[in-house]
Amino acid sequence: TRESTLVPIARLTTRRVVCRLRGQNDVVLADFSDDHVQAQTLTPKQKT
């Protein structure tokens, strides 16, 4: 970024449903997420 200012560029609202996958000895292998996302970009122009 050097001397440039960091500014908000996007706002995301997410409904996330997480399913946890377990394996042998009940170890957690992975998380599987199902995301419904609404994004509002703020630059260079606003768009949802």
ModelCIF file with pLDDT and N, C-alpha, C, O atoms, coordinates in Angstrom:
data_MODEL
#
_entry.id   MODEL 
#
_entity.id                         1 
_entity.type                       polymer 
_entity.pdbx_number_of_molecules   1 
#
_entity_poly.entity_id                      1 
_entity_poly.type                           'polypeptide(L)' 
_entity_poly.nstd_linkage                   no 
_entity_poly.nstd_monomer                   no 
_entity_poly.pdbx_seq_one_letter_code       TRESTLVPIARLTTRRVVCRLRGQNDVVLADFSDDHVQAQTLTPKQKT 
_entity_poly.pdbx_seq_one_letter_code_can   TRESTLVPIARLTTRRVVCRLRGQNDVVLADFSDDHVQAQTLTPKQKT 
_entity_poly.pdbx_strand_id                 A 
#
loop_
_entity_poly_seq.entity_id 
_entity_poly_seq.num 
_entity_poly_seq.mon_id 
_entity_poly_seq.hetero 
1 1  THR n 
1 2  ARG n 
1 3  GLU n 
1 4  SER n 
1 5  THR n 
1 6  LEU n 
1 7  VAL n 
1 8  PRO n 
1 9  ILE n 
1 10 ALA n 
1 11 ARG n 
1 12 LEU n 
1 13 THR n 
1 14 THR n 
1 15 ARG n 
1 16 ARG n 
1 17 VAL n 
1 18 VAL n 
1 19 CYS n 
1 20 ARG n 
1 21 LEU n 
1 22 ARG n 
1 23 GLY n 
1 24 GLN n 
1 25 ASN n 
1 26 ASP n 
1 27 VAL n 
1 28 VAL n 
1 29 LEU n 
1 30 ALA n 
1 31 ASP n 
1 32 PHE n 
1 33 SER n 
1 34 ASP n 
1 35 ASP n 
1 36 HIS n 
1 37 VAL n 
1 38 GLN n 
1 39 ALA n 
1 40 GLN n 
1 41 THR n 
1 42 LEU n 
1 43 THR n 
1 44 PRO n 
1 45 LYS n 
1 46 GLN n 
1 47 LYS n 
1 48 THR n 
#
_struct_asym.id          A 
_struct_asym.entity_id   1 
#
loop_
_ma_qa_metric.id 
_ma_qa_metric.mode 
_ma_qa_metric.name 
_ma_qa_metric.software_group_id 
_ma_qa_metric.type 
1 global pLDDT . pLDDT 
2 local  pLDDT . pLDDT 
#
_ma_qa_metric_global.metric_id      1 
_ma_qa_metric_global.metric_value   95.15 
_ma_qa_metric_global.model_id       1 
_ma_qa_metric_global.ordinal_id     1 
#
loop_
_ma_qa_metric_local.label_asym_id 
_ma_qa_metric_local.label_comp_id 
_ma_qa_metric_local.label_seq_id 
_ma_qa_metric_local.metric_id 
_ma_qa_metric_local.metric_value 
_ma_qa_metric_local.model_id 
_ma_qa_metric_local.ordinal_id 
A THR 1  2 96.00 1 1  
A ARG 2  2 93.00 1 2  
A GLU 3  2 91.00 1 3  
A SER 4  2 95.00 1 4  
A THR 5  2 95.00 1 5  
A LEU 6  2 96.00 1 6  
A VAL 7  2 96.00 1 7  
A PRO 8  2 96.00 1 8  
A ILE 9  2 96.00 1 9  
A ALA 10 2 96.00 1 10 
A ARG 11 2 97.00 1 11 
A LEU 12 2 97.00 1 12 
A THR 13 2 97.00 1 13 
A THR 14 2 97.00 1 14 
A ARG 15 2 97.00 1 15 
A ARG 16 2 98.00 1 16 
A VAL 17 2 97.00 1 17 
A VAL 18 2 98.00 1 18 
A CYS 19 2 97.00 1 19 
A ARG 20 2 98.00 1 20 
A LEU 21 2 98.00 1 21 
A ARG 22 2 98.00 1 22 
A GLY 23 2 97.00 1 23 
A GLN 24 2 94.00 1 24 
A ASN 25 2 95.00 1 25 
A ASP 26 2 96.00 1 26 
A VAL 27 2 98.00 1 27 
A VAL 28 2 98.00 1 28 
A LEU 29 2 98.00 1 29 
A ALA 30 2 98.00 1 30 
A ASP 31 2 98.00 1 31 
A PHE 32 2 98.00 1 32 
A SER 33 2 98.00 1 33 
A ASP 34 2 98.00 1 34 
A ASP 35 2 97.00 1 35 
A HIS 36 2 97.00 1 36 
A VAL 37 2 96.00 1 37 
A GLN 38 2 96.00 1 38 
A ALA 39 2 95.00 1 39 
A GLN 40 2 95.00 1 40 
A THR 41 2 93.00 1 41 
A LEU 42 2 92.00 1 42 
A THR 43 2 82.00 1 43 
A PRO 44 2 78.00 1 44 
A LYS 45 2 84.00 1 45 
A GLN 46 2 91.00 1 46 
A LYS 47 2 92.00 1 47 
A THR 48 2 94.00 1 48 
#
loop_
_atom_site.group_PDB 
_atom_site.id 
_atom_site.type_symbol 
_atom_site.label_atom_id 
_atom_site.label_alt_id 
_atom_site.label_comp_id 
_atom_site.label_asym_id 
_atom_site.label_entity_id 
_atom_site.label_seq_id 
_atom_site.pdbx_PDB_ins_code 
_atom_site.Cartn_x 
_atom_site.Cartn_y 
_atom_site.Cartn_z 
_atom_site.occupancy 
_atom_site.B_iso_or_equiv 
_atom_site.pdbx_formal_charge 
_atom_site.auth_seq_id 
_atom_site.auth_comp_id 
_atom_site.auth_asym_id 
_atom_site.auth_atom_id 
_atom_site.pdbx_PDB_model_num 
ATOM 1   N N  . THR A 1 1  ? 0.810   -1.221  0.000  1.00 96.00 ? 1  THR A N  1 
ATOM 2   C CA . THR A 1 1  ? 0.000   0.000   0.000  1.00 96.00 ? 1  THR A CA 1 
ATOM 3   C C  . THR A 1 1  ? 0.840   1.266   0.000  1.00 96.00 ? 1  THR A C  1 
ATOM 4   O O  . THR A 1 1  ? 0.371   2.326   -0.414 1.00 96.00 ? 1  THR A O  1 
ATOM 5   N N  . ARG A 1 2  ? 2.097   1.159   0.468  1.00 93.00 ? 2  ARG A N  1 
ATOM 6   C CA . ARG A 1 2  ? 2.985   2.329   0.576  1.00 93.00 ? 2  ARG A CA 1 
ATOM 7   C C  . ARG A 1 2  ? 2.305   3.407   1.418  1.00 93.00 ? 2  ARG A C  1 
ATOM 8   O O  . ARG A 1 2  ? 1.932   3.166   2.566  1.00 93.00 ? 2  ARG A O  1 
ATOM 9   N N  . GLU A 1 3  ? 2.149   4.583   0.843  1.00 91.00 ? 3  GLU A N  1 
ATOM 10  C CA . GLU A 1 3  ? 1.549   5.699   1.589  1.00 91.00 ? 3  GLU A CA 1 
ATOM 11  C C  . GLU A 1 3  ? 0.052   5.832   1.346  1.00 91.00 ? 3  GLU A C  1 
ATOM 12  O O  . GLU A 1 3  ? -0.580  6.745   1.877  1.00 91.00 ? 3  GLU A O  1 
ATOM 13  N N  . SER A 1 4  ? -0.514  4.949   0.563  1.00 95.00 ? 4  SER A N  1 
ATOM 14  C CA . SER A 1 4  ? -1.937  5.054   0.245  1.00 95.00 ? 4  SER A CA 1 
ATOM 15  C C  . SER A 1 4  ? -2.790  4.655   1.446  1.00 95.00 ? 4  SER A C  1 
ATOM 16  O O  . SER A 1 4  ? -2.409  3.785   2.230  1.00 95.00 ? 4  SER A O  1 
ATOM 17  N N  . THR A 1 5  ? -3.935  5.296   1.579  1.00 95.00 ? 5  THR A N  1 
ATOM 18  C CA . THR A 1 5  ? -4.852  5.024   2.675  1.00 95.00 ? 5  THR A CA 1 
ATOM 19  C C  . THR A 1 5  ? -5.717  3.808   2.361  1.00 95.00 ? 5  THR A C  1 
ATOM 20  O O  . THR A 1 5  ? -6.143  3.611   1.223  1.00 95.00 ? 5  THR A O  1 
ATOM 21  N N  . LEU A 1 6  ? -5.971  2.995   3.385  1.00 96.00 ? 6  LEU A N  1 
ATOM 22  C CA . LEU A 1 6  ? -6.906  1.885   3.237  1.00 96.00 ? 6  LEU A CA 1 
ATOM 23  C C  . LEU A 1 6  ? -8.321  2.384   3.503  1.00 96.00 ? 6  LEU A C  1 
ATOM 24  O O  . LEU A 1 6  ? -8.574  3.059   4.500  1.00 96.00 ? 6  LEU A O  1 
ATOM 25  N N  . VAL A 1 7  ? -9.235  2.047   2.604  1.00 96.00 ? 7  VAL A N  1 
ATOM 26  C CA . VAL A 1 7  ? -10.618 2.513   2.704  1.00 96.00 ? 7  VAL A CA 1 
ATOM 27  C C  . VAL A 1 7  ? -11.555 1.321   2.543  1.00 96.00 ? 7  VAL A C  1 
ATOM 28  O O  . VAL A 1 7  ? -11.161 0.308   1.966  1.00 96.00 ? 7  VAL A O  1 
ATOM 29  N N  . PRO A 1 8  ? -12.797 1.421   3.046  1.00 96.00 ? 8  PRO A N  1 
ATOM 30  C CA . PRO A 1 8  ? -13.774 0.340   2.819  1.00 96.00 ? 8  PRO A CA 1 
ATOM 31  C C  . PRO A 1 8  ? -14.086 0.210   1.334  1.00 96.00 ? 8  PRO A C  1 
ATOM 32  O O  . PRO A 1 8  ? -14.381 1.204   0.671  1.00 96.00 ? 8  PRO A O  1 
ATOM 33  N N  . ILE A 1 9  ? -14.022 -1.007  0.812  1.00 96.00 ? 9  ILE A N  1 
ATOM 34  C CA . ILE A 1 9  ? -14.315 -1.216  -0.610 1.00 96.00 ? 9  ILE A CA 1 
ATOM 35  C C  . ILE A 1 9  ? -15.529 -2.105  -0.847 1.00 96.00 ? 9  ILE A C  1 
ATOM 36  O O  . ILE A 1 9  ? -16.113 -2.090  -1.930 1.00 96.00 ? 9  ILE A O  1 
ATOM 37  N N  . ALA A 1 10 ? -15.914 -2.890  0.181  1.00 96.00 ? 10 ALA A N  1 
ATOM 38  C CA . ALA A 1 10 ? -17.075 -3.768  0.011  1.00 96.00 ? 10 ALA A CA 1 
ATOM 39  C C  . ALA A 1 10 ? -17.607 -4.188  1.372  1.00 96.00 ? 10 ALA A C  1 
ATOM 40  O O  . ALA A 1 10 ? -16.865 -4.305  2.347  1.00 96.00 ? 10 ALA A O  1 
ATOM 41  N N  . ARG A 1 11 ? -18.915 -4.409  1.405  1.00 97.00 ? 11 ARG A N  1 
ATOM 42  C CA . ARG A 1 11 ? -19.584 -4.888  2.620  1.00 97.00 ? 11 ARG A CA 1 
ATOM 43  C C  . ARG A 1 11 ? -20.310 -6.177  2.270  1.00 97.00 ? 11 ARG A C  1 
ATOM 44  O O  . ARG A 1 11 ? -21.140 -6.191  1.361  1.00 97.00 ? 11 ARG A O  1 
ATOM 45  N N  . LEU A 1 12 ? -20.010 -7.258  2.979  1.00 97.00 ? 12 LEU A N  1 
ATOM 46  C CA . LEU A 1 12 ? -20.628 -8.553  2.720  1.00 97.00 ? 12 LEU A CA 1 
ATOM 47  C C  . LEU A 1 12 ? -21.462 -8.998  3.906  1.00 97.00 ? 12 LEU A C  1 
ATOM 48  O O  . LEU A 1 12 ? -21.018 -8.941  5.053  1.00 97.00 ? 12 LEU A O  1 
ATOM 49  N N  . THR A 1 13 ? -22.682 -9.445  3.615  1.00 97.00 ? 13 THR A N  1 
ATOM 50  C CA . THR A 1 13 ? -23.559 -10.054 4.604  1.00 97.00 ? 13 THR A CA 1 
ATOM 51  C C  . THR A 1 13 ? -23.767 -11.506 4.188  1.00 97.00 ? 13 THR A C  1 
ATOM 52  O O  . THR A 1 13 ? -24.214 -11.783 3.076  1.00 97.00 ? 13 THR A O  1 
ATOM 53  N N  . THR A 1 14 ? -23.442 -12.420 5.081  1.00 97.00 ? 14 THR A N  1 
ATOM 54  C CA . THR A 1 14 ? -23.448 -13.838 4.731  1.00 97.00 ? 14 THR A CA 1 
ATOM 55  C C  . THR A 1 14 ? -24.275 -14.650 5.714  1.00 97.00 ? 14 THR A C  1 
ATOM 56  O O  . THR A 1 14 ? -24.110 -14.541 6.929  1.00 97.00 ? 14 THR A O  1 
ATOM 57  N N  . ARG A 1 15 ? -25.168 -15.468 5.165  1.00 97.00 ? 15 ARG A N  1 
ATOM 58  C CA . ARG A 1 15 ? -25.826 -16.494 5.969  1.00 97.00 ? 15 ARG A CA 1 
ATOM 59  C C  . ARG A 1 15 ? -25.052 -17.775 5.740  1.00 97.00 ? 15 ARG A C  1 
ATOM 60  O O  . ARG A 1 15 ? -25.091 -18.340 4.647  1.00 97.00 ? 15 ARG A O  1 
ATOM 61  N N  . ARG A 1 16 ? -24.348 -18.237 6.761  1.00 98.00 ? 16 ARG A N  1 
ATOM 62  C CA . ARG A 1 16 ? -23.466 -19.398 6.647  1.00 98.00 ? 16 ARG A CA 1 
ATOM 63  C C  . ARG A 1 16 ? -24.032 -20.576 7.424  1.00 98.00 ? 16 ARG A C  1 
ATOM 64  O O  . ARG A 1 16 ? -24.387 -20.448 8.595  1.00 98.00 ? 16 ARG A O  1 
ATOM 65  N N  . VAL A 1 17 ? -24.113 -21.726 6.762  1.00 97.00 ? 17 VAL A N  1 
ATOM 66  C CA . VAL A 1 17 ? -24.508 -22.974 7.403  1.00 97.00 ? 17 VAL A CA 1 
ATOM 67  C C  . VAL A 1 17 ? -23.295 -23.905 7.361  1.00 97.00 ? 17 VAL A C  1 
ATOM 68  O O  . VAL A 1 17 ? -22.825 -24.269 6.282  1.00 97.00 ? 17 VAL A O  1 
ATOM 69  N N  . VAL A 1 18 ? -22.793 -24.287 8.527  1.00 98.00 ? 18 VAL A N  1 
ATOM 70  C CA . VAL A 1 18 ? -21.554 -25.068 8.622  1.00 98.00 ? 18 VAL A CA 1 
ATOM 71  C C  . VAL A 1 18 ? -21.859 -26.494 9.046  1.00 98.00 ? 18 VAL A C  1 
ATOM 72  O O  . VAL A 1 18 ? -22.580 -26.720 10.018 1.00 98.00 ? 18 VAL A O  1 
ATOM 73  N N  . CYS A 1 19 ? -21.305 -27.461 8.311  1.00 97.00 ? 19 CYS A N  1 
ATOM 74  C CA . CYS A 1 19 ? -21.381 -28.870 8.664  1.00 97.00 ? 19 CYS A CA 1 
ATOM 75  C C  . CYS A 1 19 ? -19.961 -29.354 8.958  1.00 97.00 ? 19 CYS A C  1 
ATOM 76  O O  . CYS A 1 19 ? -19.076 -29.233 8.111  1.00 97.00 ? 19 CYS A O  1 
ATOM 77  N N  . ARG A 1 20 ? -19.745 -29.890 10.130 1.00 98.00 ? 20 ARG A N  1 
ATOM 78  C CA . ARG A 1 20 ? -18.421 -30.362 10.536 1.00 98.00 ? 20 ARG A CA 1 
ATOM 79  C C  . ARG A 1 20 ? -18.274 -31.840 10.214 1.00 98.00 ? 20 ARG A C  1 
ATOM 80  O O  . ARG A 1 20 ? -19.132 -32.651 10.562 1.00 98.00 ? 20 ARG A O  1 
ATOM 81  N N  . LEU A 1 21 ? -17.169 -32.184 9.539  1.00 98.00 ? 21 LEU A N  1 
ATOM 82  C CA . LEU A 1 21 ? -16.914 -33.566 9.127  1.00 98.00 ? 21 LEU A CA 1 
ATOM 83  C C  . LEU A 1 21 ? -15.931 -34.211 10.103 1.00 98.00 ? 21 LEU A C  1 
ATOM 84  O O  . LEU A 1 21 ? -14.833 -33.702 10.328 1.00 98.00 ? 21 LEU A O  1 
ATOM 85  N N  . ARG A 1 22 ? -16.344 -35.333 10.672 1.00 98.00 ? 22 ARG A N  1 
ATOM 86  C CA . ARG A 1 22 ? -15.493 -36.040 11.631 1.00 98.00 ? 22 ARG A CA 1 
ATOM 87  C C  . ARG A 1 22 ? -15.108 -37.418 11.093 1.00 98.00 ? 22 ARG A C  1 
ATOM 88  O O  . ARG A 1 22 ? -15.862 -38.067 10.368 1.00 98.00 ? 22 ARG A O  1 
ATOM 89  N N  . GLY A 1 23 ? -13.902 -37.834 11.478 1.00 97.00 ? 23 GLY A N  1 
ATOM 90  C CA . GLY A 1 23 ? -13.395 -39.112 11.000 1.00 97.00 ? 23 GLY A CA 1 
ATOM 91  C C  . GLY A 1 23 ? -13.117 -40.080 12.121 1.00 97.00 ? 23 GLY A C  1 
ATOM 92  O O  . GLY A 1 23 ? -13.813 -40.083 13.136 1.00 97.00 ? 23 GLY A O  1 
ATOM 93  N N  . GLN A 1 24 ? -12.098 -40.907 11.942 1.00 94.00 ? 24 GLN A N  1 
ATOM 94  C CA . GLN A 1 24 ? -11.746 -41.919 12.926 1.00 94.00 ? 24 GLN A CA 1 
ATOM 95  C C  . GLN A 1 24 ? -11.384 -41.266 14.258 1.00 94.00 ? 24 GLN A C  1 
ATOM 96  O O  . GLN A 1 24 ? -10.728 -40.225 14.296 1.00 94.00 ? 24 GLN A O  1 
ATOM 97  N N  . ASN A 1 25 ? -11.822 -41.895 15.349 1.00 95.00 ? 25 ASN A N  1 
ATOM 98  C CA . ASN A 1 25 ? -11.610 -41.365 16.707 1.00 95.00 ? 25 ASN A CA 1 
ATOM 99  C C  . ASN A 1 25 ? -12.241 -39.982 16.893 1.00 95.00 ? 25 ASN A C  1 
ATOM 100 O O  . ASN A 1 25 ? -11.850 -39.207 17.766 1.00 95.00 ? 25 ASN A O  1 
ATOM 101 N N  . ASP A 1 26 ? -13.223 -39.706 16.046 1.00 96.00 ? 26 ASP A N  1 
ATOM 102 C CA . ASP A 1 26 ? -13.998 -38.464 16.122 1.00 96.00 ? 26 ASP A CA 1 
ATOM 103 C C  . ASP A 1 26 ? -13.167 -37.215 15.835 1.00 96.00 ? 26 ASP A C  1 
ATOM 104 O O  . ASP A 1 26 ? -13.569 -36.111 16.203 1.00 96.00 ? 26 ASP A O  1 
ATOM 105 N N  . VAL A 1 27 ? -12.014 -37.372 15.182 1.00 98.00 ? 27 VAL A N  1 
ATOM 106 C CA . VAL A 1 27 ? -11.187 -36.222 14.840 1.00 98.00 ? 27 VAL A CA 1 
ATOM 107 C C  . VAL A 1 27 ? -11.924 -35.342 13.832 1.00 98.00 ? 27 VAL A C  1 
ATOM 108 O O  . VAL A 1 27 ? -12.612 -35.852 12.948 1.00 98.00 ? 27 VAL A O  1 
ATOM 109 N N  . VAL A 1 28 ? -11.782 -34.026 13.964 1.00 98.00 ? 28 VAL A N  1 
ATOM 110 C CA . VAL A 1 28 ? -12.403 -33.093 13.031 1.00 98.00 ? 28 VAL A CA 1 
ATOM 111 C C  . VAL A 1 28 ? -11.555 -33.013 11.769 1.00 98.00 ? 28 VAL A C  1 
ATOM 112 O O  . VAL A 1 28 ? -10.410 -32.562 11.807 1.00 98.00 ? 28 VAL A O  1 
ATOM 113 N N  . LEU A 1 29 ? -12.118 -33.449 10.663 1.00 98.00 ? 29 LEU A N  1 
ATOM 114 C CA . LEU A 1 29 ? -11.392 -33.459 9.401  1.00 98.00 ? 29 LEU A CA 1 
ATOM 115 C C  . LEU A 1 29 ? -11.486 -32.131 8.673  1.00 98.00 ? 29 LEU A C  1 
ATOM 116 O O  . LEU A 1 29 ? -10.483 -31.610 8.186  1.00 98.00 ? 29 LEU A O  1 
ATOM 117 N N  . ALA A 1 30 ? -12.698 -31.580 8.601  1.00 98.00 ? 30 ALA A N  1 
ATOM 118 C CA . ALA A 1 30 ? -12.910 -30.362 7.819  1.00 98.00 ? 30 ALA A CA 1 
ATOM 119 C C  . ALA A 1 30 ? -14.248 -29.742 8.194  1.00 98.00 ? 30 ALA A C  1 
ATOM 120 O O  . ALA A 1 30 ? -15.097 -30.375 8.822  1.00 98.00 ? 30 ALA A O  1 
ATOM 121 N N  . ASP A 1 31 ? -14.409 -28.500 7.798  1.00 98.00 ? 31 ASP A N  1 
ATOM 122 C CA . ASP A 1 31 ? -15.694 -27.807 7.893  1.00 98.00 ? 31 ASP A CA 1 
ATOM 123 C C  . ASP A 1 31 ? -16.186 -27.508 6.484  1.00 98.00 ? 31 ASP A C  1 
ATOM 124 O O  . ASP A 1 31 ? -15.449 -26.983 5.649  1.00 98.00 ? 31 ASP A O  1 
ATOM 125 N N  . PHE A 1 32 ? -17.442 -27.853 6.237  1.00 98.00 ? 32 PHE A N  1 
ATOM 126 C CA . PHE A 1 32 ? -18.069 -27.562 4.947  1.00 98.00 ? 32 PHE A CA 1 
ATOM 127 C C  . PHE A 1 32 ? -19.099 -26.464 5.173  1.00 98.00 ? 32 PHE A C  1 
ATOM 128 O O  . PHE A 1 32 ? -20.034 -26.635 5.955  1.00 98.00 ? 32 PHE A O  1 
ATOM 129 N N  . SER A 1 33 ? -18.925 -25.334 4.488  1.00 98.00 ? 33 SER A N  1 
ATOM 130 C CA . SER A 1 33 ? -19.808 -24.176 4.675  1.00 98.00 ? 33 SER A CA 1 
ATOM 131 C C  . SER A 1 33 ? -20.642 -23.933 3.428  1.00 98.00 ? 33 SER A C  1 
ATOM 132 O O  . SER A 1 33 ? -20.145 -23.998 2.304  1.00 98.00 ? 33 SER A O  1 
ATOM 133 N N  . ASP A 1 34 ? -21.900 -23.655 3.645  1.00 98.00 ? 34 ASP A N  1 
ATOM 134 C CA . ASP A 1 34 ? -22.842 -23.290 2.587  1.00 98.00 ? 34 ASP A CA 1 
ATOM 135 C C  . ASP A 1 34 ? -23.204 -21.827 2.816  1.00 98.00 ? 34 ASP A C  1 
ATOM 136 O O  . ASP A 1 34 ? -23.909 -21.502 3.771  1.00 98.00 ? 34 ASP A O  1 
ATOM 137 N N  . ASP A 1 35 ? -22.724 -20.943 1.942  1.00 97.00 ? 35 ASP A N  1 
ATOM 138 C CA . ASP A 1 35 ? -22.854 -19.495 2.143  1.00 97.00 ? 35 ASP A CA 1 
ATOM 139 C C  . ASP A 1 35 ? -23.803 -18.867 1.136  1.00 97.00 ? 35 ASP A C  1 
ATOM 140 O O  . ASP A 1 35 ? -23.665 -19.056 -0.073 1.00 97.00 ? 35 ASP A O  1 
ATOM 141 N N  . HIS A 1 36 ? -24.773 -18.115 1.656  1.00 97.00 ? 36 HIS A N  1 
ATOM 142 C CA . HIS A 1 36 ? -25.596 -17.231 0.831  1.00 97.00 ? 36 HIS A CA 1 
ATOM 143 C C  . HIS A 1 36 ? -25.116 -15.816 1.121  1.00 97.00 ? 36 HIS A C  1 
ATOM 144 O O  . HIS A 1 36 ? -25.208 -15.339 2.252  1.00 97.00 ? 36 HIS A O  1 
ATOM 145 N N  . VAL A 1 37 ? -24.606 -15.152 0.097  1.00 96.00 ? 37 VAL A N  1 
ATOM 146 C CA . VAL A 1 37 ? -23.886 -13.896 0.284  1.00 96.00 ? 37 VAL A CA 1 
ATOM 147 C C  . VAL A 1 37 ? -24.589 -12.750 -0.435 1.00 96.00 ? 37 VAL A C  1 
ATOM 148 O O  . VAL A 1 37 ? -25.026 -12.884 -1.578 1.00 96.00 ? 37 VAL A O  1 
ATOM 149 N N  . GLN A 1 38 ? -24.688 -11.627 0.261  1.00 96.00 ? 38 GLN A N  1 
ATOM 150 C CA . GLN A 1 38 ? -25.094 -10.365 -0.350 1.00 96.00 ? 38 GLN A CA 1 
ATOM 151 C C  . GLN A 1 38 ? -23.914 -9.414  -0.236 1.00 96.00 ? 38 GLN A C  1 
ATOM 152 O O  . GLN A 1 38 ? -23.428 -9.156  0.865  1.00 96.00 ? 38 GLN A O  1 
ATOM 153 N N  . ALA A 1 39 ? -23.445 -8.888  -1.374 1.00 95.00 ? 39 ALA A N  1 
ATOM 154 C CA . ALA A 1 39 ? -22.274 -8.024  -1.389 1.00 95.00 ? 39 ALA A CA 1 
ATOM 155 C C  . ALA A 1 39 ? -22.629 -6.659  -1.951 1.00 95.00 ? 39 ALA A C  1 
ATOM 156 O O  . ALA A 1 39 ? -23.296 -6.542  -2.979 1.00 95.00 ? 39 ALA A O  1 
ATOM 157 N N  . GLN A 1 40 ? -22.174 -5.641  -1.259 1.00 95.00 ? 40 GLN A N  1 
ATOM 158 C CA . GLN A 1 40 ? -22.317 -4.268  -1.755 1.00 95.00 ? 40 GLN A CA 1 
ATOM 159 C C  . GLN A 1 40 ? -20.921 -3.713  -1.988 1.00 95.00 ? 40 GLN A C  1 
ATOM 160 O O  . GLN A 1 40 ? -20.198 -3.421  -1.035 1.00 95.00 ? 40 GLN A O  1 
ATOM 161 N N  . THR A 1 41 ? -20.544 -3.568  -3.247 1.00 93.00 ? 41 THR A N  1 
ATOM 162 C CA . THR A 1 41 ? -19.265 -2.950  -3.556 1.00 93.00 ? 41 THR A CA 1 
ATOM 163 C C  . THR A 1 41 ? -19.399 -1.437  -3.403 1.00 93.00 ? 41 THR A C  1 
ATOM 164 O O  . THR A 1 41 ? -20.417 -0.854  -3.776 1.00 93.00 ? 41 THR A O  1 
ATOM 165 N N  . LEU A 1 42 ? -18.373 -0.816  -2.858 1.00 92.00 ? 42 LEU A N  1 
ATOM 166 C CA . LEU A 1 42 ? -18.406 0.608   -2.553 1.00 92.00 ? 42 LEU A CA 1 
ATOM 167 C C  . LEU A 1 42 ? -17.534 1.438   -3.479 1.00 92.00 ? 42 LEU A C  1 
ATOM 168 O O  . LEU A 1 42 ? -17.680 2.659   -3.549 1.00 92.00 ? 42 LEU A O  1 
ATOM 169 N N  . THR A 1 43 ? -16.614 0.767   -4.202 1.00 82.00 ? 43 THR A N  1 
ATOM 170 C CA . THR A 1 43 ? -15.732 1.465   -5.125 1.00 82.00 ? 43 THR A CA 1 
ATOM 171 C C  . THR A 1 43 ? -15.410 0.537   -6.296 1.00 82.00 ? 43 THR A C  1 
ATOM 172 O O  . THR A 1 43 ? -15.265 -0.665  -6.073 1.00 82.00 ? 43 THR A O  1 
ATOM 173 N N  . PRO A 1 44 ? -15.290 1.028   -7.524 1.00 78.00 ? 44 PRO A N  1 
ATOM 174 C CA . PRO A 1 44 ? -15.382 2.430   -7.928 1.00 78.00 ? 44 PRO A CA 1 
ATOM 175 C C  . PRO A 1 44 ? -16.806 2.986   -7.944 1.00 78.00 ? 44 PRO A C  1 
ATOM 176 O O  . PRO A 1 44 ? -16.993 4.202   -7.975 1.00 78.00 ? 44 PRO A O  1 
ATOM 177 N N  . LYS A 1 45 ? -17.812 2.104   -7.924 1.00 84.00 ? 45 LYS A N  1 
ATOM 178 C CA . LYS A 1 45 ? -19.186 2.565   -7.804 1.00 84.00 ? 45 LYS A CA 1 
ATOM 179 C C  . LYS A 1 45 ? -19.963 1.546   -6.997 1.00 84.00 ? 45 LYS A C  1 
ATOM 180 O O  . LYS A 1 45 ? -19.575 0.380   -6.920 1.00 84.00 ? 45 LYS A O  1 
ATOM 181 N N  . GLN A 1 46 ? -21.060 1.980   -6.395 1.00 91.00 ? 46 GLN A N  1 
ATOM 182 C CA . GLN A 1 46 ? -21.840 1.086   -5.554 1.00 91.00 ? 46 GLN A CA 1 
ATOM 183 C C  . GLN A 1 46 ? -22.667 0.131   -6.416 1.00 91.00 ? 46 GLN A C  1 
ATOM 184 O O  . GLN A 1 46 ? -23.293 0.524   -7.400 1.00 91.00 ? 46 GLN A O  1 
ATOM 185 N N  . LYS A 1 47 ? -22.643 -1.121  -6.012 1.00 92.00 ? 47 LYS A N  1 
ATOM 186 C CA . LYS A 1 47 ? -23.410 -2.155  -6.711 1.00 92.00 ? 47 LYS A CA 1 
ATOM 187 C C  . LYS A 1 47 ? -23.671 -3.280  -5.728 1.00 92.00 ? 47 LYS A C  1 
ATOM 188 O O  . LYS A 1 47 ? -22.788 -3.653  -4.956 1.00 92.00 ? 47 LYS A O  1 
ATOM 189 N N  . THR A 1 48 ? -24.881 -3.823  -5.751 1.00 94.00 ? 48 THR A N  1 
ATOM 190 C CA . THR A 1 48 ? -25.232 -4.922  -4.868 1.00 94.00 ? 48 THR A CA 1 
ATOM 191 C C  . THR A 1 48 ? -25.463 -6.181  -5.685 1.00 94.00 ? 48 THR A C  1 
ATOM 192 O O  . THR A 1 48 ? -25.772 -7.233  -5.126 1.00 94.00 ? 48 THR A O  1 
#
